[in-house]
Amino acid sequence: MSHSDRLLDNGIRVAAPNEADKQDWRAVQVALVRYIRARGARTDVAEDIAQETIARLIVVHRDKRIASVFALGFRIADNLLVDHYRADSRLADEPEVDVVSEAPSLDRALDSQRAVEVFQRCLNRMPRLRREVLIRRRLQQESCRVIGEELSISTKAVEKHITRGLIDLRRAMERAGIDPAVWNA
């Protein structure tokens, strides 16, 4: 037991306060926060760096005599601030983690598949001539005139088959509860 230590009534030895314990660390912390904020750091960053600086200063102060706690504190704070900015810049240089897929969502794919099934069933139920006119015009992009000539019907008849076929398809999609955006896309 050192000369400055003392014993409590219960026999527990209590170390005498040393120089590090006598230092006014609150005043040092306030000065450090102000210094770090003046160097452009956000308040939360300044407080974190000041706290880390105080912790390092206490360790050094217990082992060695420091000529100026403030000068060493400012030096440590500067180094910690540089380290903080380096870490931030490394994080800022990293690519975004959000990966966006060009594929449609699963819901969209299932809705589209269902729309195709309804579309196919509706086409299969149409009269043969209406189905052929609709497929040749809408899928094969043939003109009404060419379709009419090859099927030996008038252009007006071709247009009526197309109109009626599209009405049949729209009704089938509506009955199935399929959003027009899915099958128009």
C-alpha atoms as a PDB file:
ATOM      1  CA  MET A   1       0.000   0.000   0.000  1.00  0.00           C
ATOM      2  CA  SER A   2       1.458   3.328  -1.060  1.00  0.00           C
ATOM      3  CA  HIS A   3       1.793   6.243   1.274  1.00  0.00           C
ATOM      4  CA  SER A   4      -1.112   8.132  -0.333  1.00  0.00           C
ATOM      5  CA  ASP A   5      -3.529   5.137  -0.406  1.00  0.00           C
ATOM      6  CA  ARG A   6      -6.066   4.803   2.401  1.00  0.00           C
ATOM      7  CA  LEU A   7      -8.123   2.016   3.909  1.00  0.00           C
ATOM      8  CA  LEU A   8     -11.883   2.196   4.275  1.00  0.00           C
ATOM      9  CA  ASP A   9     -13.622   0.911   7.403  1.00  0.00           C
ATOM     10  CA  ASN A  10     -14.358  -2.425   5.696  1.00  0.00           C
ATOM     11  CA  GLY A  11     -10.678  -2.984   4.887  1.00  0.00           C
ATOM     12  CA  ILE A  12     -10.866  -2.118   1.180  1.00  0.00           C
ATOM     13  CA  ARG A  13      -7.875  -0.187  -0.078  1.00  0.00           C
ATOM     14  CA  VAL A  14      -8.678   2.932  -2.102  1.00  0.00           C
ATOM     15  CA  ALA A  15      -5.964   4.411  -4.281  1.00  0.00           C
ATOM     16  CA  ALA A  16      -5.290   8.058  -3.794  1.00  0.00           C
ATOM     17  CA  PRO A  17      -6.265  10.286  -6.696  1.00  0.00           C
ATOM     18  CA  ASN A  18      -3.389  10.798  -9.118  1.00  0.00           C
ATOM     19  CA  GLU A  19      -2.693  13.698 -11.457  1.00  0.00           C
ATOM     20  CA  ALA A  20      -4.979  12.263 -14.212  1.00  0.00           C
ATOM     21  CA  ASP A  21      -7.887  12.245 -11.785  1.00  0.00           C
ATOM     22  CA  LYS A  22      -7.224  15.860 -10.795  1.00  0.00           C
ATOM     23  CA  GLN A  23      -7.352  17.144 -14.410  1.00  0.00           C
ATOM     24  CA  ASP A  24     -10.547  19.004 -15.400  1.00  0.00           C
ATOM     25  CA  TRP A  25     -11.520  16.671 -18.249  1.00  0.00           C
ATOM     26  CA  ARG A  26     -14.879  18.345 -18.784  1.00  0.00           C
ATOM     27  CA  ALA A  27     -13.169  21.620 -19.735  1.00  0.00           C
ATOM     28  CA  VAL A  28     -10.853  19.736 -22.089  1.00  0.00           C
ATOM     29  CA  GLN A  29     -13.823  17.960 -23.707  1.00  0.00           C
ATOM     30  CA  VAL A  30     -15.718  21.239 -24.232  1.00  0.00           C
ATOM     31  CA  ALA A  31     -12.629  22.798 -25.833  1.00  0.00           C
ATOM     32  CA  LEU A  32     -12.135  19.714 -28.056  1.00  0.00           C
ATOM     33  CA  VAL A  33     -15.742  19.716 -29.269  1.00  0.00           C
ATOM     34  CA  ARG A  34     -15.500  23.403 -30.100  1.00  0.00           C
ATOM     35  CA  TYR A  35     -12.154  22.828 -31.906  1.00  0.00           C
ATOM     36  CA  ILE A  36     -13.454  19.863 -33.931  1.00  0.00           C
ATOM     37  CA  ARG A  37     -16.686  21.669 -34.868  1.00  0.00           C
ATOM     38  CA  ALA A  38     -14.593  24.624 -36.086  1.00  0.00           C
ATOM     39  CA  ARG A  39     -12.840  22.175 -38.416  1.00  0.00           C
ATOM     40  CA  GLY A  40     -16.177  21.383 -40.094  1.00  0.00           C
ATOM     41  CA  ALA A  41     -17.283  18.233 -38.302  1.00  0.00           C
ATOM     42  CA  ARG A  42     -20.925  17.573 -37.444  1.00  0.00           C
ATOM     43  CA  THR A  43     -21.835  17.826 -33.772  1.00  0.00           C
ATOM     44  CA  ASP A  44     -22.258  14.065 -33.313  1.00  0.00           C
ATOM     45  CA  VAL A  45     -18.896  13.388 -34.952  1.00  0.00           C
ATOM     46  CA  ALA A  46     -17.223  16.114 -32.880  1.00  0.00           C
ATOM     47  CA  GLU A  47     -18.598  14.647 -29.650  1.00  0.00           C
ATOM     48  CA  ASP A  48     -17.494  11.116 -30.594  1.00  0.00           C
ATOM     49  CA  ILE A  49     -13.990  12.275 -31.500  1.00  0.00           C
ATOM     50  CA  ALA A  50     -13.733  14.393 -28.336  1.00  0.00           C
ATOM     51  CA  GLN A  51     -14.737  11.407 -26.214  1.00  0.00           C
ATOM     52  CA  GLU A  52     -12.163   9.157 -27.901  1.00  0.00           C
ATOM     53  CA  THR A  53      -9.536  11.890 -27.501  1.00  0.00           C
ATOM     54  CA  ILE A  54     -10.260  12.246 -23.775  1.00  0.00           C
ATOM     55  CA  ALA A  55      -9.951   8.473 -23.327  1.00  0.00           C
ATOM     56  CA  ARG A  56      -6.558   8.478 -25.034  1.00  0.00           C
ATOM     57  CA  LEU A  57      -5.407  11.529 -23.091  1.00  0.00           C
ATOM     58  CA  ILE A  58      -6.276   9.891 -19.763  1.00  0.00           C
ATOM     59  CA  VAL A  59      -4.226   6.813 -20.655  1.00  0.00           C
ATOM     60  CA  VAL A  60      -1.224   8.933 -21.646  1.00  0.00           C
ATOM     61  CA  HIS A  61      -1.631  11.300 -18.684  1.00  0.00           C
ATOM     62  CA  ARG A  62      -1.551   8.404 -16.172  1.00  0.00           C
ATOM     63  CA  ASP A  63       1.751   7.128 -17.571  1.00  0.00           C
ATOM     64  CA  LYS A  64       3.547  10.353 -18.504  1.00  0.00           C
ATOM     65  CA  ARG A  65       3.629  13.974 -17.597  1.00  0.00           C
ATOM     66  CA  ILE A  66       2.048  16.042 -20.390  1.00  0.00           C
ATOM     67  CA  ALA A  67       3.244  19.605 -20.866  1.00  0.00           C
ATOM     68  CA  SER A  68      -0.076  20.735 -22.390  1.00  0.00           C
ATOM     69  CA  VAL A  69      -3.166  18.524 -22.277  1.00  0.00           C
ATOM     70  CA  PHE A  70      -4.907  20.864 -24.709  1.00  0.00           C
ATOM     71  CA  ALA A  71      -2.095  20.816 -27.300  1.00  0.00           C
ATOM     72  CA  LEU A  72      -1.872  17.021 -27.231  1.00  0.00           C
ATOM     73  CA  GLY A  73      -5.667  16.752 -27.240  1.00  0.00           C
ATOM     74  CA  PHE A  74      -5.939  18.940 -30.338  1.00  0.00           C
ATOM     75  CA  ARG A  75      -3.251  16.852 -32.084  1.00  0.00           C
ATOM     76  CA  ILE A  76      -5.035  13.585 -31.242  1.00  0.00           C
ATOM     77  CA  ALA A  77      -8.383  15.064 -32.312  1.00  0.00           C
ATOM     78  CA  ASP A  78      -6.894  16.178 -35.642  1.00  0.00           C
ATOM     79  CA  ASN A  79      -5.620  12.658 -36.306  1.00  0.00           C
ATOM     80  CA  LEU A  80      -8.948  11.085 -35.364  1.00  0.00           C
ATOM     81  CA  LEU A  81     -10.789  13.568 -37.571  1.00  0.00           C
ATOM     82  CA  VAL A  82      -8.546  12.681 -40.534  1.00  0.00           C
ATOM     83  CA  ASP A  83      -9.183   8.984 -39.870  1.00  0.00           C
ATOM     84  CA  HIS A  84     -12.927   9.663 -39.773  1.00  0.00           C
ATOM     85  CA  TYR A  85     -12.861  11.524 -43.105  1.00  0.00           C
ATOM     86  CA  ARG A  86     -10.798   8.750 -44.693  1.00  0.00           C
ATOM     87  CA  ALA A  87     -13.272   6.124 -43.546  1.00  0.00           C
ATOM     88  CA  ASP A  88     -16.168   8.226 -44.847  1.00  0.00           C
ATOM     89  CA  SER A  89     -14.498   8.716 -48.225  1.00  0.00           C
ATOM     90  CA  ARG A  90     -13.873   4.977 -48.565  1.00  0.00           C
ATOM     91  CA  LEU A  91     -17.527   4.311 -47.844  1.00  0.00           C
ATOM     92  CA  ALA A  92     -18.613   7.001 -50.297  1.00  0.00           C
ATOM     93  CA  ASP A  93     -16.445   5.476 -53.045  1.00  0.00           C
ATOM     94  CA  GLU A  94     -18.040   2.046 -52.658  1.00  0.00           C
ATOM     95  CA  PRO A  95     -20.749   1.237 -55.186  1.00  0.00           C
ATOM     96  CA  GLU A  96     -24.348   1.170 -54.058  1.00  0.00           C
ATOM     97  CA  VAL A  97     -25.451  -2.201 -52.761  1.00  0.00           C
ATOM     98  CA  ASP A  98     -28.957  -1.887 -54.178  1.00  0.00           C
ATOM     99  CA  VAL A  99     -29.075  -4.195 -57.158  1.00  0.00           C
ATOM    100  CA  VAL A 100     -31.988  -3.575 -59.473  1.00  0.00           C
ATOM    101  CA  SER A 101     -33.109  -6.431 -61.627  1.00  0.00           C
ATOM    102  CA  GLU A 102     -34.347  -5.792 -65.136  1.00  0.00           C
ATOM    103  CA  ALA A 103     -36.545  -8.887 -64.862  1.00  0.00           C
ATOM    104  CA  PRO A 104     -40.211  -8.358 -64.055  1.00  0.00           C
ATOM    105  CA  SER A 105     -41.357  -9.053 -60.518  1.00  0.00           C
ATOM    106  CA  LEU A 106     -42.747 -12.472 -59.716  1.00  0.00           C
ATOM    107  CA  ASP A 107     -46.244 -11.019 -59.351  1.00  0.00           C
ATOM    108  CA  ARG A 108     -45.991  -9.340 -62.735  1.00  0.00           C
ATOM    109  CA  ALA A 109     -44.748 -12.548 -64.363  1.00  0.00           C
ATOM    110  CA  LEU A 110     -47.576 -14.588 -62.844  1.00  0.00           C
ATOM    111  CA  ASP A 111     -50.164 -11.992 -63.893  1.00  0.00           C
ATOM    112  CA  SER A 112     -48.761 -12.004 -67.425  1.00  0.00           C
ATOM    113  CA  GLN A 113     -48.804 -15.793 -67.570  1.00  0.00           C
ATOM    114  CA  ARG A 114     -52.416 -15.832 -66.409  1.00  0.00           C
ATOM    115  CA  ALA A 115     -53.326 -13.201 -69.021  1.00  0.00           C
ATOM    116  CA  VAL A 116     -51.750 -15.339 -71.762  1.00  0.00           C
ATOM    117  CA  GLU A 117     -53.759 -18.366 -70.602  1.00  0.00           C
ATOM    118  CA  VAL A 118     -57.027 -16.391 -70.642  1.00  0.00           C
ATOM    119  CA  PHE A 119     -56.102 -14.896 -74.022  1.00  0.00           C
ATOM    120  CA  GLN A 120     -55.388 -18.367 -75.471  1.00  0.00           C
ATOM    121  CA  ARG A 121     -58.665 -19.850 -74.141  1.00  0.00           C
ATOM    122  CA  CYS A 122     -60.614 -16.908 -75.595  1.00  0.00           C
ATOM    123  CA  LEU A 123     -58.923 -17.309 -79.002  1.00  0.00           C
ATOM    124  CA  ASN A 124     -59.696 -21.042 -78.979  1.00  0.00           C
ATOM    125  CA  ARG A 125     -63.428 -20.307 -78.381  1.00  0.00           C
ATOM    126  CA  MET A 126     -63.702 -17.783 -81.249  1.00  0.00           C
ATOM    127  CA  PRO A 127     -65.089 -18.786 -84.619  1.00  0.00           C
ATOM    128  CA  ARG A 128     -62.275 -19.962 -86.893  1.00  0.00           C
ATOM    129  CA  LEU A 129     -62.513 -17.011 -89.311  1.00  0.00           C
ATOM    130  CA  ARG A 130     -62.528 -14.356 -86.542  1.00  0.00           C
ATOM    131  CA  ARG A 131     -59.544 -16.010 -84.844  1.00  0.00           C
ATOM    132  CA  GLU A 132     -57.577 -16.181 -88.102  1.00  0.00           C
ATOM    133  CA  VAL A 133     -58.334 -12.541 -89.001  1.00  0.00           C
ATOM    134  CA  LEU A 134     -57.355 -11.348 -85.521  1.00  0.00           C
ATOM    135  CA  ILE A 135     -54.104 -13.322 -85.465  1.00  0.00           C
ATOM    136  CA  ARG A 136     -53.082 -12.247 -88.949  1.00  0.00           C
ATOM    137  CA  ARG A 137     -53.824  -8.568 -88.245  1.00  0.00           C
ATOM    138  CA  ARG A 138     -52.573  -8.224 -84.644  1.00  0.00           C
ATOM    139  CA  LEU A 139     -49.773 -10.764 -84.457  1.00  0.00           C
ATOM    140  CA  GLN A 140     -48.545 -10.992 -88.043  1.00  0.00           C
ATOM    141  CA  GLN A 141     -49.206  -7.296 -88.790  1.00  0.00           C
ATOM    142  CA  GLU A 142     -50.898  -7.989 -92.131  1.00  0.00           C
ATOM    143  CA  SER A 143     -53.052  -5.237 -93.615  1.00  0.00           C
ATOM    144  CA  CYS A 144     -56.842  -5.530 -93.665  1.00  0.00           C
ATOM    145  CA  ARG A 145     -56.772  -5.393 -97.470  1.00  0.00           C
ATOM    146  CA  VAL A 146     -54.343  -8.350 -97.776  1.00  0.00           C
ATOM    147  CA  ILE A 147     -56.287 -10.415 -95.225  1.00  0.00           C
ATOM    148  CA  GLY A 148     -59.564  -9.689 -97.032  1.00  0.00           C
ATOM    149  CA  GLU A 149     -58.123 -10.654-100.420  1.00  0.00           C
ATOM    150  CA  GLU A 150     -56.613 -13.909 -99.161  1.00  0.00           C
ATOM    151  CA  LEU A 151     -59.743 -14.946 -97.252  1.00  0.00           C
ATOM    152  CA  SER A 152     -62.128 -13.683 -99.957  1.00  0.00           C
ATOM    153  CA  ILE A 153     -63.958 -11.263 -97.660  1.00  0.00           C
ATOM    154  CA  SER A 154     -64.358  -7.501 -97.783  1.00  0.00           C
ATOM    155  CA  THR A 155     -62.099  -5.095 -95.899  1.00  0.00           C
ATOM    156  CA  LYS A 156     -65.148  -4.023 -93.841  1.00  0.00           C
ATOM    157  CA  ALA A 157     -65.746  -7.672 -92.846  1.00  0.00           C
ATOM    158  CA  VAL A 158     -62.079  -7.957 -91.771  1.00  0.00           C
ATOM    159  CA  GLU A 159     -62.445  -4.807 -89.617  1.00  0.00           C
ATOM    160  CA  LYS A 160     -65.638  -6.169 -88.019  1.00  0.00           C
ATOM    161  CA  HIS A 161     -63.950  -9.500 -87.181  1.00  0.00           C
ATOM    162  CA  ILE A 162     -61.065  -7.601 -85.598  1.00  0.00           C
ATOM    163  CA  THR A 163     -63.421  -5.370 -83.591  1.00  0.00           C
ATOM    164  CA  ARG A 164     -65.517  -8.312 -82.381  1.00  0.00           C
ATOM    165  CA  GLY A 165     -62.396 -10.352 -81.572  1.00  0.00           C
ATOM    166  CA  LEU A 166     -60.934  -7.529 -79.497  1.00  0.00           C
ATOM    167  CA  ILE A 167     -64.252  -7.095 -77.665  1.00  0.00           C
ATOM    168  CA  ASP A 168     -64.282 -10.832 -76.897  1.00  0.00           C
ATOM    169  CA  LEU A 169     -60.703 -10.648 -75.581  1.00  0.00           C
ATOM    170  CA  ARG A 170     -61.399  -7.581 -73.423  1.00  0.00           C
ATOM    171  CA  ARG A 171     -64.489  -9.224 -71.891  1.00  0.00           C
ATOM    172  CA  ALA A 172     -62.579 -12.429 -71.162  1.00  0.00           C
ATOM    173  CA  MET A 173     -59.797 -10.456 -69.438  1.00  0.00           C
ATOM    174  CA  GLU A 174     -62.303  -8.431 -67.412  1.00  0.00           C
ATOM    175  CA  ARG A 175     -64.170 -11.598 -66.344  1.00  0.00           C
ATOM    176  CA  ALA A 176     -60.840 -13.095 -65.231  1.00  0.00           C
ATOM    177  CA  GLY A 177     -60.107  -9.915 -63.241  1.00  0.00           C
ATOM    178  CA  ILE A 178     -56.934  -9.169 -65.145  1.00  0.00           C
ATOM    179  CA  ASP A 179     -55.750  -5.562 -65.124  1.00  0.00           C
ATOM    180  CA  PRO A 180     -55.572  -4.153 -68.679  1.00  0.00           C
ATOM    181  CA  ALA A 181     -52.074  -2.788 -67.884  1.00  0.00           C
ATOM    182  CA  VAL A 182     -50.808  -6.377 -67.685  1.00  0.00           C
ATOM    183  CA  TRP A 183     -52.042  -7.471 -71.074  1.00  0.00           C
ATOM    184  CA  ASN A 184     -51.571  -4.135 -72.851  1.00  0.00           C
ATOM    185  CA  ALA A 185     -47.903  -3.955 -71.879  1.00  0.00           C
END
